PDB file of N, CA and C in Angstrom:
ATOM      1  N   MET A   1      17.001   4.837 -22.028  1.00  0.00           N
ATOM      2  CA  MET A   1      16.101   3.741 -21.752  1.00  0.00           C
ATOM      3  C   MET A   1      14.850   4.299 -21.089  1.00  0.00           C
ATOM      4  N   ALA A   2      13.715   3.814 -21.516  1.00  0.00           N
ATOM      5  CA  ALA A   2      12.441   4.288 -20.975  1.00  0.00           C
ATOM      6  C   ALA A   2      12.270   3.820 -19.539  1.00  0.00           C
ATOM      7  N   GLY A   3      11.569   4.640 -18.757  1.00  0.00           N
ATOM      8  CA  GLY A   3      11.317   4.279 -17.365  1.00  0.00           C
ATOM      9  C   GLY A   3      10.387   3.079 -17.265  1.00  0.00           C
ATOM     10  N   LYS A   4      10.579   2.286 -16.252  1.00  0.00           N
ATOM     11  CA  LYS A   4       9.743   1.120 -16.045  1.00  0.00           C
ATOM     12  C   LYS A   4       8.542   1.504 -15.203  1.00  0.00           C
ATOM     13  N   THR A   5       7.440   0.865 -15.474  1.00  0.00           N
ATOM     14  CA  THR A   5       6.260   1.058 -14.640  1.00  0.00           C
ATOM     15  C   THR A   5       6.029  -0.225 -13.849  1.00  0.00           C
ATOM     16  N   ILE A   6       5.480  -0.047 -12.680  1.00  0.00           N
ATOM     17  CA  ILE A   6       5.201  -1.195 -11.822  1.00  0.00           C
ATOM     18  C   ILE A   6       3.709  -1.227 -11.567  1.00  0.00           C
ATOM     19  N   ASP A   7       3.119  -2.373 -11.806  1.00  0.00           N
ATOM     20  CA  ASP A   7       1.694  -2.565 -11.619  1.00  0.00           C
ATOM     21  C   ASP A   7       1.417  -2.854 -10.144  1.00  0.00           C
ATOM     22  N   THR A   8       0.790  -1.909  -9.470  1.00  0.00           N
ATOM     23  CA  THR A   8       0.514  -2.108  -8.041  1.00  0.00           C
ATOM     24  C   THR A   8      -0.489  -3.228  -7.814  1.00  0.00           C
ATOM     25  N   GLU A   9      -1.365  -3.470  -8.778  1.00  0.00           N
ATOM     26  CA  GLU A   9      -2.304  -4.589  -8.631  1.00  0.00           C
ATOM     27  C   GLU A   9      -1.561  -5.919  -8.633  1.00  0.00           C
ATOM     28  N   ALA A  10      -0.518  -6.011  -9.450  1.00  0.00           N
ATOM     29  CA  ALA A  10       0.294  -7.230  -9.457  1.00  0.00           C
ATOM     30  C   ALA A  10       0.998  -7.394  -8.110  1.00  0.00           C
ATOM     31  N   LEU A  11       1.496  -6.291  -7.562  1.00  0.00           N
ATOM     32  CA  LEU A  11       2.133  -6.358  -6.245  1.00  0.00           C
ATOM     33  C   LEU A  11       1.125  -6.785  -5.177  1.00  0.00           C
ATOM     34  N   ARG A  12      -0.081  -6.281  -5.269  1.00  0.00           N
ATOM     35  CA  ARG A  12      -1.121  -6.682  -4.313  1.00  0.00           C
ATOM     36  C   ARG A  12      -1.436  -8.178  -4.451  1.00  0.00           C
ATOM     37  N   SER A  13      -1.434  -8.672  -5.669  1.00  0.00           N
ATOM     38  CA  SER A  13      -1.683 -10.103  -5.884  1.00  0.00           C
ATOM     39  C   SER A  13      -0.584 -10.952  -5.268  1.00  0.00           C
ATOM     40  N   VAL A  14       0.653 -10.503  -5.409  1.00  0.00           N
ATOM     41  CA  VAL A  14       1.779 -11.220  -4.809  1.00  0.00           C
ATOM     42  C   VAL A  14       1.652 -11.181  -3.287  1.00  0.00           C
ATOM     43  N   ARG A  15       1.307 -10.030  -2.759  1.00  0.00           N
ATOM     44  CA  ARG A  15       1.152  -9.904  -1.308  1.00  0.00           C
ATOM     45  C   ARG A  15       0.047 -10.836  -0.800  1.00  0.00           C
ATOM     46  N   THR A  16      -1.049 -10.913  -1.523  1.00  0.00           N
ATOM     47  CA  THR A  16      -2.138 -11.817  -1.153  1.00  0.00           C
ATOM     48  C   THR A  16      -1.685 -13.274  -1.215  1.00  0.00           C
ATOM     49  N   ALA A  17      -0.918 -13.611  -2.243  1.00  0.00           N
ATOM     50  CA  ALA A  17      -0.404 -14.983  -2.375  1.00  0.00           C
ATOM     51  C   ALA A  17       0.527 -15.317  -1.207  1.00  0.00           C
ATOM     52  N   LEU A  18       1.361 -14.376  -0.812  1.00  0.00           N
ATOM     53  CA  LEU A  18       2.250 -14.604   0.332  1.00  0.00           C
ATOM     54  C   LEU A  18       1.452 -14.822   1.608  1.00  0.00           C
ATOM     55  N   ARG A  19       0.402 -14.071   1.791  1.00  0.00           N
ATOM     56  CA  ARG A  19      -0.440 -14.235   2.983  1.00  0.00           C
ATOM     57  C   ARG A  19      -1.122 -15.603   2.980  1.00  0.00           C
ATOM     58  N   THR A  20      -1.604 -16.008   1.816  1.00  0.00           N
ATOM     59  CA  THR A  20      -2.240 -17.320   1.682  1.00  0.00           C
ATOM     60  C   THR A  20      -1.234 -18.426   1.970  1.00  0.00           C
ATOM     61  N   TYR A  21      -0.032 -18.291   1.419  1.00  0.00           N
ATOM     62  CA  TYR A  21       1.047 -19.257   1.650  1.00  0.00           C
ATOM     63  C   TYR A  21       1.354 -19.355   3.140  1.00  0.00           C
ATOM     64  N   ARG A  22       1.542 -18.215   3.768  1.00  0.00           N
ATOM     65  CA  ARG A  22       1.887 -18.188   5.188  1.00  0.00           C
ATOM     66  C   ARG A  22       0.789 -18.839   6.027  1.00  0.00           C
ATOM     67  N   SER A  23      -0.434 -18.527   5.733  1.00  0.00           N
ATOM     68  CA  SER A  23      -1.556 -19.085   6.482  1.00  0.00           C
ATOM     69  C   SER A  23      -1.616 -20.606   6.326  1.00  0.00           C
ATOM     70  N   ALA A  24      -1.458 -21.087   5.118  1.00  0.00           N
ATOM     71  CA  ALA A  24      -1.505 -22.530   4.866  1.00  0.00           C
ATOM     72  C   ALA A  24      -0.353 -23.249   5.559  1.00  0.00           C
ATOM     73  N   VAL A  25       0.837 -22.680   5.460  1.00  0.00           N
ATOM     74  CA  VAL A  25       2.002 -23.314   6.085  1.00  0.00           C
ATOM     75  C   VAL A  25       1.854 -23.319   7.601  1.00  0.00           C
ATOM     76  N   MET A  26       1.404 -22.222   8.176  1.00  0.00           N
ATOM     77  CA  MET A  26       1.253 -22.174   9.633  1.00  0.00           C
ATOM     78  C   MET A  26       0.182 -23.161  10.100  1.00  0.00           C
ATOM     79  N   SER A  27      -0.852 -23.347   9.319  1.00  0.00           N
ATOM     80  CA  SER A  27      -1.871 -24.342   9.648  1.00  0.00           C
ATOM     81  C   SER A  27      -1.255 -25.739   9.643  1.00  0.00           C
ATOM     82  N   ASP A  28      -0.429 -26.019   8.647  1.00  0.00           N
ATOM     83  CA  ASP A  28       0.234 -27.324   8.574  1.00  0.00           C
ATOM     84  C   ASP A  28       1.253 -27.502   9.700  1.00  0.00           C
ATOM     85  N   VAL A  29       1.941 -26.444  10.063  1.00  0.00           N
ATOM     86  CA  VAL A  29       2.887 -26.510  11.181  1.00  0.00           C
ATOM     87  C   VAL A  29       2.138 -26.878  12.460  1.00  0.00           C
ATOM     88  N   LYS A  30       0.985 -26.266  12.671  1.00  0.00           N
ATOM     89  CA  LYS A  30       0.180 -26.587  13.854  1.00  0.00           C
ATOM     90  C   LYS A  30      -0.215 -28.061  13.840  1.00  0.00           C
ATOM     91  N   LYS A  31      -0.633 -28.561  12.673  1.00  0.00           N
ATOM     92  CA  LYS A  31      -1.018 -29.971  12.572  1.00  0.00           C
ATOM     93  C   LYS A  31       0.170 -30.878  12.890  1.00  0.00           C
ATOM     94  N   MET A  32       1.359 -30.514  12.385  1.00  0.00           N
ATOM     95  CA  MET A  32       2.545 -31.330  12.649  1.00  0.00           C
ATOM     96  C   MET A  32       2.903 -31.309  14.133  1.00  0.00           C
ATOM     97  N   ARG A  33       2.811 -30.139  14.748  1.00  0.00           N
ATOM     98  CA  ARG A  33       3.106 -30.048  16.181  1.00  0.00           C
ATOM     99  C   ARG A  33       2.107 -30.860  17.004  1.00  0.00           C
ATOM    100  N   ASP A  34       0.829 -30.773  16.618  1.00  0.00           N
ATOM    101  CA  ASP A  34      -0.193 -31.556  17.315  1.00  0.00           C
ATOM    102  C   ASP A  34       0.068 -33.056  17.150  1.00  0.00           C
ATOM    103  N   ALA A  35       0.444 -33.473  15.946  1.00  0.00           N
ATOM    104  CA  ALA A  35       0.738 -34.886  15.698  1.00  0.00           C
ATOM    105  C   ALA A  35       1.953 -35.337  16.509  1.00  0.00           C
ATOM    106  N   ALA A  36       2.951 -34.470  16.621  1.00  0.00           N
ATOM    107  CA  ALA A  36       4.138 -34.811  17.413  1.00  0.00           C
ATOM    108  C   ALA A  36       3.763 -34.972  18.885  1.00  0.00           C
ATOM    109  N   LYS A  37       2.907 -34.104  19.364  1.00  0.00           N
ATOM    110  CA  LYS A  37       2.458 -34.201  20.758  1.00  0.00           C
ATOM    111  C   LYS A  37       1.700 -35.505  20.977  1.00  0.00           C
ATOM    112  N   ASP A  38       0.799 -35.832  20.036  1.00  0.00           N
ATOM    113  CA  ASP A  38       0.060 -37.091  20.135  1.00  0.00           C
ATOM    114  C   ASP A  38       1.007 -38.286  20.099  1.00  0.00           C
ATOM    115  N   CYS A  39       2.008 -38.204  19.258  1.00  0.00           N
ATOM    116  CA  CYS A  39       3.000 -39.278  19.152  1.00  0.00           C
ATOM    117  C   CYS A  39       3.704 -39.481  20.490  1.00  0.00           C
ATOM    118  N   ARG A  40       4.156 -38.381  21.072  1.00  0.00           N
ATOM    119  CA  ARG A  40       4.830 -38.470  22.383  1.00  0.00           C
ATOM    120  C   ARG A  40       3.887 -39.049  23.442  1.00  0.00           C
ATOM    121  N   ASP A  41       2.654 -38.537  23.453  1.00  0.00           N
ATOM    122  CA  ASP A  41       1.688 -38.979  24.463  1.00  0.00           C
ATOM    123  C   ASP A  41       1.333 -40.463  24.296  1.00  0.00           C
ATOM    124  N   ASN A  42       1.114 -40.876  23.062  1.00  0.00           N
ATOM    125  CA  ASN A  42       0.652 -42.243  22.811  1.00  0.00           C
ATOM    126  C   ASN A  42       1.759 -43.282  22.876  1.00  0.00           C
ATOM    127  N   LEU A  43       2.980 -42.894  22.551  1.00  0.00           N
ATOM    128  CA  LEU A  43       4.067 -43.863  22.522  1.00  0.00           C
ATOM    129  C   LEU A  43       4.972 -43.768  23.743  1.00  0.00           C
ATOM    130  N   GLY A  44       4.631 -42.908  24.661  1.00  0.00           N
ATOM    131  CA  GLY A  44       5.353 -42.847  25.920  1.00  0.00           C
ATOM    132  C   GLY A  44       6.811 -42.453  25.799  1.00  0.00           C
ATOM    133  N   ASN A  45       7.128 -41.606  24.854  1.00  0.00           N
ATOM    134  CA  ASN A  45       8.502 -41.114  24.686  1.00  0.00           C
ATOM    135  C   ASN A  45       9.516 -42.226  24.433  1.00  0.00           C
ATOM    136  N   ASP A  46       9.126 -43.216  23.633  1.00  0.00           N
ATOM    137  CA  ASP A  46      10.109 -44.239  23.276  1.00  0.00           C
ATOM    138  C   ASP A  46      11.188 -43.620  22.389  1.00  0.00           C
ATOM    139  N   GLU A  47      12.252 -44.346  22.172  1.00  0.00           N
ATOM    140  CA  GLU A  47      13.412 -43.820  21.439  1.00  0.00           C
ATOM    141  C   GLU A  47      13.050 -43.367  20.019  1.00  0.00           C
ATOM    142  N   TYR A  48      12.221 -44.145  19.322  1.00  0.00           N
ATOM    143  CA  TYR A  48      11.853 -43.795  17.947  1.00  0.00           C
ATOM    144  C   TYR A  48      11.008 -42.528  17.891  1.00  0.00           C
ATOM    145  N   SER A  49      10.062 -42.412  18.814  1.00  0.00           N
ATOM    146  CA  SER A  49       9.222 -41.204  18.792  1.00  0.00           C
ATOM    147  C   SER A  49      10.027 -39.979  19.201  1.00  0.00           C
ATOM    148  N   LYS A  50      10.948 -40.128  20.145  1.00  0.00           N
ATOM    149  CA  LYS A  50      11.801 -38.996  20.526  1.00  0.00           C
ATOM    150  C   LYS A  50      12.611 -38.506  19.341  1.00  0.00           C
ATOM    151  N   ARG A  51      13.196 -39.449  18.608  1.00  0.00           N
ATOM    152  CA  ARG A  51      14.018 -39.076  17.453  1.00  0.00           C
ATOM    153  C   ARG A  51      13.172 -38.429  16.358  1.00  0.00           C
ATOM    154  N   THR A  52      11.986 -38.988  16.139  1.00  0.00           N
ATOM    155  CA  THR A  52      11.088 -38.437  15.120  1.00  0.00           C
ATOM    156  C   THR A  52      10.655 -37.020  15.473  1.00  0.00           C
ATOM    157  N   VAL A  53      10.303 -36.805  16.721  1.00  0.00           N
ATOM    158  CA  VAL A  53       9.887 -35.470  17.171  1.00  0.00           C
ATOM    159  C   VAL A  53      11.060 -34.490  17.062  1.00  0.00           C
ATOM    160  N   ALA A  54      12.253 -34.938  17.406  1.00  0.00           N
ATOM    161  CA  ALA A  54      13.434 -34.068  17.288  1.00  0.00           C
ATOM    162  C   ALA A  54      13.692 -33.711  15.831  1.00  0.00           C
ATOM    163  N   ASP A  55      13.564 -34.690  14.946  1.00  0.00           N
ATOM    164  CA  ASP A  55      13.747 -34.419  13.512  1.00  0.00           C
ATOM    165  C   ASP A  55      12.697 -33.444  12.995  1.00  0.00           C
ATOM    166  N   LEU A  56      11.473 -33.627  13.447  1.00  0.00           N
ATOM    167  CA  LEU A  56      10.400 -32.715  13.055  1.00  0.00           C
ATOM    168  C   LEU A  56      10.708 -31.301  13.521  1.00  0.00           C
ATOM    169  N   ASN A  57      11.141 -31.164  14.759  1.00  0.00           N
ATOM    170  CA  ASN A  57      11.463 -29.835  15.295  1.00  0.00           C
ATOM    171  C   ASN A  57      12.582 -29.173  14.501  1.00  0.00           C
ATOM    172  N   ASP A  58      13.573 -29.954  14.084  1.00  0.00           N
ATOM    173  CA  ASP A  58      14.634 -29.396  13.236  1.00  0.00           C
ATOM    174  C   ASP A  58      14.075 -28.912  11.907  1.00  0.00           C
ATOM    175  N   SER A  59      13.198 -29.700  11.325  1.00  0.00           N
ATOM    176  CA  SER A  59      12.588 -29.315  10.048  1.00  0.00           C
ATOM    177  C   SER A  59      11.721 -28.069  10.202  1.00  0.00           C
ATOM    178  N   LEU A  60      11.000 -27.998  11.312  1.00  0.00           N
ATOM    179  CA  LEU A  60      10.132 -26.843  11.534  1.00  0.00           C
ATOM    180  C   LEU A  60      10.924 -25.547  11.649  1.00  0.00           C
ATOM    181  N   LYS A  61      12.147 -25.624  12.162  1.00  0.00           N
ATOM    182  CA  LYS A  61      12.987 -24.424  12.224  1.00  0.00           C
ATOM    183  C   LYS A  61      13.207 -23.865  10.825  1.00  0.00           C
ATOM    184  N   ASP A  62      13.485 -24.744   9.863  1.00  0.00           N
ATOM    185  CA  ASP A  62      13.691 -24.303   8.481  1.00  0.00           C
ATOM    186  C   ASP A  62      12.400 -23.767   7.865  1.00  0.00           C
ATOM    187  N   ILE A  63      11.312 -24.437   8.147  1.00  0.00           N
ATOM    188  CA  ILE A  63      10.016 -23.990   7.622  1.00  0.00           C
ATOM    189  C   ILE A  63       9.663 -22.618   8.177  1.00  0.00           C
ATOM    190  N   LEU A  64       9.864 -22.429   9.468  1.00  0.00           N
ATOM    191  CA  LEU A  64       9.538 -21.134  10.085  1.00  0.00           C
ATOM    192  C   LEU A  64      10.480 -20.037   9.609  1.00  0.00           C
ATOM    193  N   ALA A  65      11.712 -20.389   9.270  1.00  0.00           N
ATOM    194  CA  ALA A  65      12.638 -19.402   8.694  1.00  0.00           C
ATOM    195  C   ALA A  65      12.122 -18.950   7.321  1.00  0.00           C
ATOM    196  N   ALA A  66      11.565 -19.877   6.562  1.00  0.00           N
ATOM    197  CA  ALA A  66      10.985 -19.514   5.258  1.00  0.00           C
ATOM    198  C   ALA A  66       9.780 -18.599   5.438  1.00  0.00           C
ATOM    199  N   ILE A  67       9.004 -18.842   6.471  1.00  0.00           N
ATOM    200  CA  ILE A  67       7.858 -17.976   6.758  1.00  0.00           C
ATOM    201  C   ILE A  67       8.333 -16.573   7.118  1.00  0.00           C
ATOM    202  N   GLU A  68       9.414 -16.486   7.874  1.00  0.00           N
ATOM    203  CA  GLU A  68       9.983 -15.169   8.210  1.00  0.00           C
ATOM    204  C   GLU A  68      10.387 -14.420   6.944  1.00  0.00           C
ATOM    205  N   LYS A  69      11.004 -15.122   6.015  1.00  0.00           N
ATOM    206  CA  LYS A  69      11.409 -14.484   4.751  1.00  0.00           C
ATOM    207  C   LYS A  69      10.187 -14.031   3.963  1.00  0.00           C
ATOM    208  N   ALA A  70       9.127 -14.827   3.985  1.00  0.00           N
ATOM    209  CA  ALA A  70       7.888 -14.431   3.314  1.00  0.00           C
ATOM    210  C   ALA A  70       7.308 -13.181   3.973  1.00  0.00           C
ATOM    211  N   ASP A  71       7.379 -13.112   5.297  1.00  0.00           N
ATOM    212  CA  ASP A  71       6.909 -11.923   6.024  1.00  0.00           C
ATOM    213  C   ASP A  71       7.711 -10.689   5.615  1.00  0.00           C
ATOM    214  N   GLU A  72       9.029 -10.843   5.552  1.00  0.00           N
ATOM    215  CA  GLU A  72       9.894  -9.724   5.169  1.00  0.00           C
ATOM    216  C   GLU A  72       9.578  -9.259   3.749  1.00  0.00           C
ATOM    217  N   LEU A  73       9.363 -10.205   2.851  1.00  0.00           N
ATOM    218  CA  LEU A  73       9.025  -9.854   1.473  1.00  0.00           C
ATOM    219  C   LEU A  73       7.682  -9.144   1.412  1.00  0.00           C
ATOM    220  N   GLU A  74       6.730  -9.628   2.183  1.00  0.00           N
ATOM    221  CA  GLU A  74       5.423  -8.967   2.216  1.00  0.00           C
ATOM    222  C   GLU A  74       5.547  -7.531   2.708  1.00  0.00           C
ATOM    223  N   GLN A  75       6.363  -7.303   3.729  1.00  0.00           N
ATOM    224  CA  GLN A  75       6.568  -5.949   4.239  1.00  0.00           C
ATOM    225  C   GLN A  75       7.200  -5.045   3.177  1.00  0.00           C
ATOM    226  N   LYS A  76       8.167  -5.579   2.433  1.00  0.00           N
ATOM    227  CA  LYS A  76       8.804  -4.796   1.374  1.00  0.00           C
ATOM    228  C   LYS A  76       7.804  -4.457   0.276  1.00  0.00           C
ATOM    229  N   ILE A  77       6.960  -5.422  -0.058  1.00  0.00           N
ATOM    230  CA  ILE A  77       5.951  -5.184  -1.094  1.00  0.00           C
ATOM    231  C   ILE A  77       4.965  -4.124  -0.625  1.00  0.00           C
ATOM    232  N   THR A  78       4.534  -4.217   0.626  1.00  0.00           N
ATOM    233  CA  THR A  78       3.605  -3.224   1.171  1.00  0.00           C
ATOM    234  C   THR A  78       4.234  -1.832   1.144  1.00  0.00           C
ATOM    235  N   LYS A  79       5.494  -1.757   1.508  1.00  0.00           N
ATOM    236  CA  LYS A  79       6.200  -0.473   1.477  1.00  0.00           C
ATOM    237  C   LYS A  79       6.274   0.071   0.050  1.00  0.00           C
ATOM    238  N   LYS A  80       6.589  -0.791  -0.904  1.00  0.00           N
ATOM    239  CA  LYS A  80       6.703  -0.377  -2.301  1.00  0.00           C
ATOM    240  C   LYS A  80       5.366   0.119  -2.837  1.00  0.00           C
ATOM    241  N   ILE A  81       4.277  -0.600  -2.499  1.00  0.00           N
ATOM    242  CA  ILE A  81       2.953  -0.158  -2.924  1.00  0.00           C
ATOM    243  C   ILE A  81       2.676   1.245  -2.365  1.00  0.00           C
ATOM    244  N   GLY A  82       3.008   1.448  -1.097  1.00  0.00           N
ATOM    245  CA  GLY A  82       2.814   2.757  -0.486  1.00  0.00           C
ATOM    246  C   GLY A  82       3.603   3.842  -1.198  1.00  0.00           C
ATOM    247  N   GLU A  83       4.839   3.537  -1.542  1.00  0.00           N
ATOM    248  CA  GLU A  83       5.677   4.509  -2.248  1.00  0.00           C
ATOM    249  C   GLU A  83       5.083   4.849  -3.610  1.00  0.00           C
ATOM    250  N   LEU A  84       4.634   3.819  -4.320  1.00  0.00           N
ATOM    251  CA  LEU A  84       4.103   4.030  -5.668  1.00  0.00           C
ATOM    252  C   LEU A  84       2.781   4.776  -5.667  1.00  0.00           C
ATOM    253  N   GLU A  85       2.032   4.583  -4.613  1.00  0.00           N
ATOM    254  CA  GLU A  85       0.712   5.222  -4.554  1.00  0.00           C
ATOM    255  C   GLU A  85       0.718   6.472  -3.676  1.00  0.00           C
ATOM    256  N   GLY A  86       1.889   6.935  -3.318  1.00  0.00           N
ATOM    257  CA  GLY A  86       1.986   8.164  -2.549  1.00  0.00           C
ATOM    258  C   GLY A  86       1.566   8.004  -1.101  1.00  0.00           C
ATOM    259  N   GLY A  87       1.866   6.847  -0.518  1.00  0.00           N
ATOM    260  CA  GLY A  87       1.566   6.640   0.891  1.00  0.00           C
ATOM    261  C   GLY A  87       0.238   5.972   1.174  1.00  0.00           C
ATOM    262  N   VAL A  88      -0.559   5.688   0.142  1.00  0.00           N
ATOM    263  CA  VAL A  88      -1.845   5.015   0.339  1.00  0.00           C
ATOM    264  C   VAL A  88      -1.627   3.525   0.145  1.00  0.00           C
ATOM    265  N   ILE A  89      -2.021   2.741   1.163  1.00  0.00           N
ATOM    266  CA  ILE A  89      -1.848   1.287   1.069  1.00  0.00           C
ATOM    267  C   ILE A  89      -3.193   0.609   1.088  1.00  0.00           C
TER     268      ILE A  89
END
């Protein structure tokens, strides 16, 4: 079987897409956290706002875990590009 070639430009494009994804998600996470703070401040920690903020915090844990996985993938891609290009990234 013939050896496979890997396009480093394609890997760079994926890495850029991951960075864009991470940046957009983190921006949205900040907006959600700010909205939760405003909710708490404006509604005086009533039962509904407490539950909503708690649910949001649970959801954010999953979102941030996905960001961690994207970070790990980006690191692997960067390492692979370095290997393919002889240490030049």
